[in-house]
Amino acid sequence: MEDVELVQSPAATTSISAEEVMEDVESVQSPAATTSISAEEGTQNLSAITGEQEIAKIVDLNDSRTDLLDRIQSLKKDLQDWRGKLDTQVKTYRQELGDLKNTLNHEVEQLKSGFQELRSSLLKQIDAASTITSLIPDFPKKAEEGSES
């Protein structure tokens, strides 16, 4: 180590090594060193209390974590069940809609067929009426002549 100059007075200077200074510092006991036994015990007690508190917090956190994971699993299961029920309902409704569509298409075809029959029946009646009136064009005149005689 290096030599350090200590100034004790303005008139005299003395030179000592850093090692000597360190030895002197180590030989002096601090007030904390005299109460080191009680401080160490206090630190251990404090560490034990702090450690117990930390352990209790960790246990609480693990319990909370477990509860949350259980809740998440429960919610996932509920969601899967809900999706399954929803899928079943969607399939049922699609099938019912398909059946209703088929029924409606069948009824529309029956109505179309009914209207076609009605149309052709009306056309036949119109043709028959026009045939009858074309065969007897002078019928009202003959009826008037017969009533005059």
C-alpha atoms as a PDB file:
ATOM      1  CA  MET A   1       0.000   0.000   0.000  1.00  0.00           C
ATOM      2  CA  GLU A   2       0.960   3.659  -0.292  1.00  0.00           C
ATOM      3  CA  ASP A   3       2.291   5.875   2.419  1.00  0.00           C
ATOM      4  CA  VAL A   4      -0.107   8.554   3.546  1.00  0.00           C
ATOM      5  CA  GLU A   5       1.010  11.848   5.010  1.00  0.00           C
ATOM      6  CA  LEU A   6      -0.960  12.988   8.013  1.00  0.00           C
ATOM      7  CA  VAL A   7      -0.887  16.600   8.931  1.00  0.00           C
ATOM      8  CA  GLN A   8      -1.082  16.934  12.707  1.00  0.00           C
ATOM      9  CA  SER A   9       0.005  20.475  12.971  1.00  0.00           C
ATOM     10  CA  PRO A  10       1.124  23.098  10.552  1.00  0.00           C
ATOM     11  CA  ALA A  11       4.689  22.691  11.699  1.00  0.00           C
ATOM     12  CA  ALA A  12       5.154  18.908  11.723  1.00  0.00           C
ATOM     13  CA  THR A  13       4.131  16.226   9.244  1.00  0.00           C
ATOM     14  CA  THR A  14       4.325  12.476   9.835  1.00  0.00           C
ATOM     15  CA  SER A  15       4.191   9.673   7.311  1.00  0.00           C
ATOM     16  CA  ILE A  16       2.340   6.368   8.034  1.00  0.00           C
ATOM     17  CA  SER A  17       1.239   3.542   5.785  1.00  0.00           C
ATOM     18  CA  ALA A  18      -2.339   2.732   4.831  1.00  0.00           C
ATOM     19  CA  GLU A  19      -1.905  -0.680   6.420  1.00  0.00           C
ATOM     20  CA  GLU A  20      -1.240   0.899   9.760  1.00  0.00           C
ATOM     21  CA  VAL A  21      -4.367   3.016   9.428  1.00  0.00           C
ATOM     22  CA  MET A  22      -6.432  -0.086   8.657  1.00  0.00           C
ATOM     23  CA  GLU A  23      -5.026  -1.913  11.681  1.00  0.00           C
ATOM     24  CA  ASP A  24      -5.940   1.010  13.905  1.00  0.00           C
ATOM     25  CA  VAL A  25      -9.452   1.164  12.455  1.00  0.00           C
ATOM     26  CA  GLU A  26      -9.984  -2.565  12.987  1.00  0.00           C
ATOM     27  CA  SER A  27      -8.818  -2.402  16.578  1.00  0.00           C
ATOM     28  CA  VAL A  28     -11.407   0.236  17.477  1.00  0.00           C
ATOM     29  CA  GLN A  29     -14.772  -1.278  18.433  1.00  0.00           C
ATOM     30  CA  SER A  30     -17.884   0.494  17.337  1.00  0.00           C
ATOM     31  CA  PRO A  31     -20.889   0.813  19.632  1.00  0.00           C
ATOM     32  CA  ALA A  32     -22.732  -1.549  17.284  1.00  0.00           C
ATOM     33  CA  ALA A  33     -20.049  -4.195  17.838  1.00  0.00           C
ATOM     34  CA  THR A  34     -20.567  -4.129  21.595  1.00  0.00           C
ATOM     35  CA  THR A  35     -24.270  -4.899  21.124  1.00  0.00           C
ATOM     36  CA  SER A  36     -23.714  -7.293  18.237  1.00  0.00           C
ATOM     37  CA  ILE A  37     -25.172 -10.300  20.038  1.00  0.00           C
ATOM     38  CA  SER A  38     -28.489  -8.618  20.720  1.00  0.00           C
ATOM     39  CA  ALA A  39     -28.566  -7.066  17.239  1.00  0.00           C
ATOM     40  CA  GLU A  40     -27.929 -10.432  15.615  1.00  0.00           C
ATOM     41  CA  GLU A  41     -30.708 -12.012  17.649  1.00  0.00           C
ATOM     42  CA  GLY A  42     -33.035  -9.145  16.727  1.00  0.00           C
ATOM     43  CA  THR A  43     -32.120  -9.535  13.076  1.00  0.00           C
ATOM     44  CA  GLN A  44     -32.782 -13.269  13.246  1.00  0.00           C
ATOM     45  CA  ASN A  45     -36.078 -12.678  15.028  1.00  0.00           C
ATOM     46  CA  LEU A  46     -36.998  -9.988  12.509  1.00  0.00           C
ATOM     47  CA  SER A  47     -35.943 -12.281   9.672  1.00  0.00           C
ATOM     48  CA  ALA A  48     -38.027 -15.088  11.157  1.00  0.00           C
ATOM     49  CA  ILE A  49     -41.068 -12.807  11.505  1.00  0.00           C
ATOM     50  CA  THR A  50     -40.552 -11.360   8.045  1.00  0.00           C
ATOM     51  CA  GLY A  51     -39.993 -14.866   6.663  1.00  0.00           C
ATOM     52  CA  GLU A  52     -43.183 -16.137   8.309  1.00  0.00           C
ATOM     53  CA  GLN A  53     -45.116 -13.181   6.921  1.00  0.00           C
ATOM     54  CA  GLU A  54     -43.697 -13.794   3.473  1.00  0.00           C
ATOM     55  CA  ILE A  55     -44.522 -17.491   3.715  1.00  0.00           C
ATOM     56  CA  ALA A  56     -48.061 -16.639   4.830  1.00  0.00           C
ATOM     57  CA  LYS A  57     -48.391 -14.238   1.888  1.00  0.00           C
ATOM     58  CA  ILE A  58     -47.047 -16.871  -0.497  1.00  0.00           C
ATOM     59  CA  VAL A  59     -49.487 -19.448   0.880  1.00  0.00           C
ATOM     60  CA  ASP A  60     -52.344 -16.958   0.500  1.00  0.00           C
ATOM     61  CA  LEU A  61     -51.255 -16.147  -3.032  1.00  0.00           C
ATOM     62  CA  ASN A  62     -51.006 -19.844  -3.908  1.00  0.00           C
ATOM     63  CA  ASP A  63     -54.481 -20.424  -2.463  1.00  0.00           C
ATOM     64  CA  SER A  64     -55.817 -17.484  -4.451  1.00  0.00           C
ATOM     65  CA  ARG A  65     -54.067 -18.782  -7.560  1.00  0.00           C
ATOM     66  CA  THR A  66     -55.562 -22.234  -7.054  1.00  0.00           C
ATOM     67  CA  ASP A  67     -59.018 -20.731  -6.532  1.00  0.00           C
ATOM     68  CA  LEU A  68     -58.640 -18.628  -9.678  1.00  0.00           C
ATOM     69  CA  LEU A  69     -57.457 -21.610 -11.726  1.00  0.00           C
ATOM     70  CA  ASP A  70     -60.400 -23.663 -10.447  1.00  0.00           C
ATOM     71  CA  ARG A  71     -62.760 -20.820 -11.342  1.00  0.00           C
ATOM     72  CA  ILE A  72     -61.198 -20.541 -14.807  1.00  0.00           C
ATOM     73  CA  GLN A  73     -61.587 -24.291 -15.351  1.00  0.00           C
ATOM     74  CA  SER A  74     -65.201 -24.062 -14.209  1.00  0.00           C
ATOM     75  CA  LEU A  75     -65.862 -21.161 -16.564  1.00  0.00           C
ATOM     76  CA  LYS A  76     -64.212 -23.033 -19.446  1.00  0.00           C
ATOM     77  CA  LYS A  77     -66.427 -26.048 -18.764  1.00  0.00           C
ATOM     78  CA  ASP A  78     -69.513 -23.827 -18.542  1.00  0.00           C
ATOM     79  CA  LEU A  79     -68.530 -22.197 -21.845  1.00  0.00           C
ATOM     80  CA  GLN A  80     -68.062 -25.576 -23.526  1.00  0.00           C
ATOM     81  CA  ASP A  81     -71.431 -26.752 -22.202  1.00  0.00           C
ATOM     82  CA  TRP A  82     -73.081 -23.541 -23.384  1.00  0.00           C
ATOM     83  CA  ARG A  83     -71.488 -23.888 -26.820  1.00  0.00           C
ATOM     84  CA  GLY A  84     -72.673 -27.488 -27.044  1.00  0.00           C
ATOM     85  CA  LYS A  85     -76.232 -26.486 -26.147  1.00  0.00           C
ATOM     86  CA  LEU A  86     -76.077 -23.591 -28.584  1.00  0.00           C
ATOM     87  CA  ASP A  87     -74.818 -25.860 -31.376  1.00  0.00           C
ATOM     88  CA  THR A  88     -77.645 -28.295 -30.644  1.00  0.00           C
ATOM     89  CA  GLN A  89     -80.204 -25.485 -30.747  1.00  0.00           C
ATOM     90  CA  VAL A  90     -78.763 -24.138 -33.996  1.00  0.00           C
ATOM     91  CA  LYS A  91     -78.934 -27.591 -35.591  1.00  0.00           C
ATOM     92  CA  THR A  92     -82.503 -28.050 -34.370  1.00  0.00           C
ATOM     93  CA  TYR A  93     -83.566 -24.628 -35.648  1.00  0.00           C
ATOM     94  CA  ARG A  94     -81.867 -25.203 -38.994  1.00  0.00           C
ATOM     95  CA  GLN A  95     -83.665 -28.525 -39.346  1.00  0.00           C
ATOM     96  CA  GLU A  96     -86.998 -26.932 -38.396  1.00  0.00           C
ATOM     97  CA  LEU A  97     -86.398 -24.076 -40.858  1.00  0.00           C
ATOM     98  CA  GLY A  98     -85.540 -26.592 -43.571  1.00  0.00           C
ATOM     99  CA  ASP A  99     -88.753 -28.494 -42.837  1.00  0.00           C
ATOM    100  CA  LEU A 100     -90.766 -25.267 -42.865  1.00  0.00           C
ATOM    101  CA  LYS A 101     -89.156 -24.255 -46.148  1.00  0.00           C
ATOM    102  CA  ASN A 102     -90.018 -27.589 -47.708  1.00  0.00           C
ATOM    103  CA  THR A 103     -93.590 -27.370 -46.411  1.00  0.00           C
ATOM    104  CA  LEU A 104     -93.925 -23.809 -47.690  1.00  0.00           C
ATOM    105  CA  ASN A 105     -92.523 -24.767 -51.108  1.00  0.00           C
ATOM    106  CA  HIS A 106     -94.976 -27.683 -51.278  1.00  0.00           C
ATOM    107  CA  GLU A 107     -97.920 -25.418 -50.359  1.00  0.00           C
ATOM    108  CA  VAL A 108     -96.810 -22.813 -52.919  1.00  0.00           C
ATOM    109  CA  GLU A 109     -96.684 -25.525 -55.583  1.00  0.00           C
ATOM    110  CA  GLN A 110    -100.179 -26.671 -54.559  1.00  0.00           C
ATOM    111  CA  LEU A 111    -101.443 -23.076 -54.806  1.00  0.00           C
ATOM    112  CA  LYS A 112     -99.829 -22.682 -58.232  1.00  0.00           C
ATOM    113  CA  SER A 113    -101.414 -25.913 -59.355  1.00  0.00           C
ATOM    114  CA  GLY A 114    -104.787 -24.844 -57.923  1.00  0.00           C
ATOM    115  CA  PHE A 115    -104.588 -21.497 -59.715  1.00  0.00           C
ATOM    116  CA  GLN A 116    -103.615 -23.224 -62.970  1.00  0.00           C
ATOM    117  CA  GLU A 117    -106.645 -25.515 -62.655  1.00  0.00           C
ATOM    118  CA  LEU A 118    -108.894 -22.558 -61.845  1.00  0.00           C
ATOM    119  CA  ARG A 119    -107.501 -20.607 -64.799  1.00  0.00           C
ATOM    120  CA  SER A 120    -107.977 -23.442 -67.218  1.00  0.00           C
ATOM    121  CA  SER A 121    -111.508 -24.030 -65.828  1.00  0.00           C
ATOM    122  CA  LEU A 122    -112.350 -20.360 -66.284  1.00  0.00           C
ATOM    123  CA  LEU A 123    -110.881 -20.376 -69.785  1.00  0.00           C
ATOM    124  CA  LYS A 124    -113.013 -23.416 -70.622  1.00  0.00           C
ATOM    125  CA  GLN A 125    -116.095 -21.683 -69.279  1.00  0.00           C
ATOM    126  CA  ILE A 126    -115.292 -18.558 -71.263  1.00  0.00           C
ATOM    127  CA  ASP A 127    -114.757 -20.651 -74.413  1.00  0.00           C
ATOM    128  CA  ALA A 128    -118.024 -22.521 -73.781  1.00  0.00           C
ATOM    129  CA  ALA A 129    -119.920 -19.286 -73.259  1.00  0.00           C
ATOM    130  CA  SER A 130    -118.444 -17.730 -76.364  1.00  0.00           C
ATOM    131  CA  THR A 131    -119.217 -20.906 -78.345  1.00  0.00           C
ATOM    132  CA  ILE A 132    -122.799 -20.861 -77.170  1.00  0.00           C
ATOM    133  CA  THR A 133    -123.228 -17.187 -77.998  1.00  0.00           C
ATOM    134  CA  SER A 134    -121.605 -17.695 -81.386  1.00  0.00           C
ATOM    135  CA  LEU A 135    -123.988 -20.551 -82.187  1.00  0.00           C
ATOM    136  CA  ILE A 136    -127.045 -18.542 -81.331  1.00  0.00           C
ATOM    137  CA  PRO A 137    -126.340 -15.030 -82.524  1.00  0.00           C
ATOM    138  CA  ASP A 138    -129.863 -14.188 -83.368  1.00  0.00           C
ATOM    139  CA  PHE A 139    -131.489 -15.720 -80.300  1.00  0.00           C
ATOM    140  CA  PRO A 140    -132.662 -12.473 -78.743  1.00  0.00           C
ATOM    141  CA  LYS A 141    -134.174 -11.364 -82.071  1.00  0.00           C
ATOM    142  CA  LYS A 142    -136.070 -14.648 -82.545  1.00  0.00           C
ATOM    143  CA  ALA A 143    -137.403 -14.418 -79.027  1.00  0.00           C
ATOM    144  CA  GLU A 144    -138.763 -10.954 -79.789  1.00  0.00           C
ATOM    145  CA  GLU A 145    -140.370 -12.149 -83.033  1.00  0.00           C
ATOM    146  CA  GLY A 146    -142.040 -15.057 -81.279  1.00  0.00           C
ATOM    147  CA  SER A 147    -143.591 -12.786 -78.717  1.00  0.00           C
ATOM    148  CA  GLU A 148    -145.081 -10.495 -81.388  1.00  0.00           C
ATOM    149  CA  SER A 149    -147.027 -13.164 -83.169  1.00  0.00           C
END
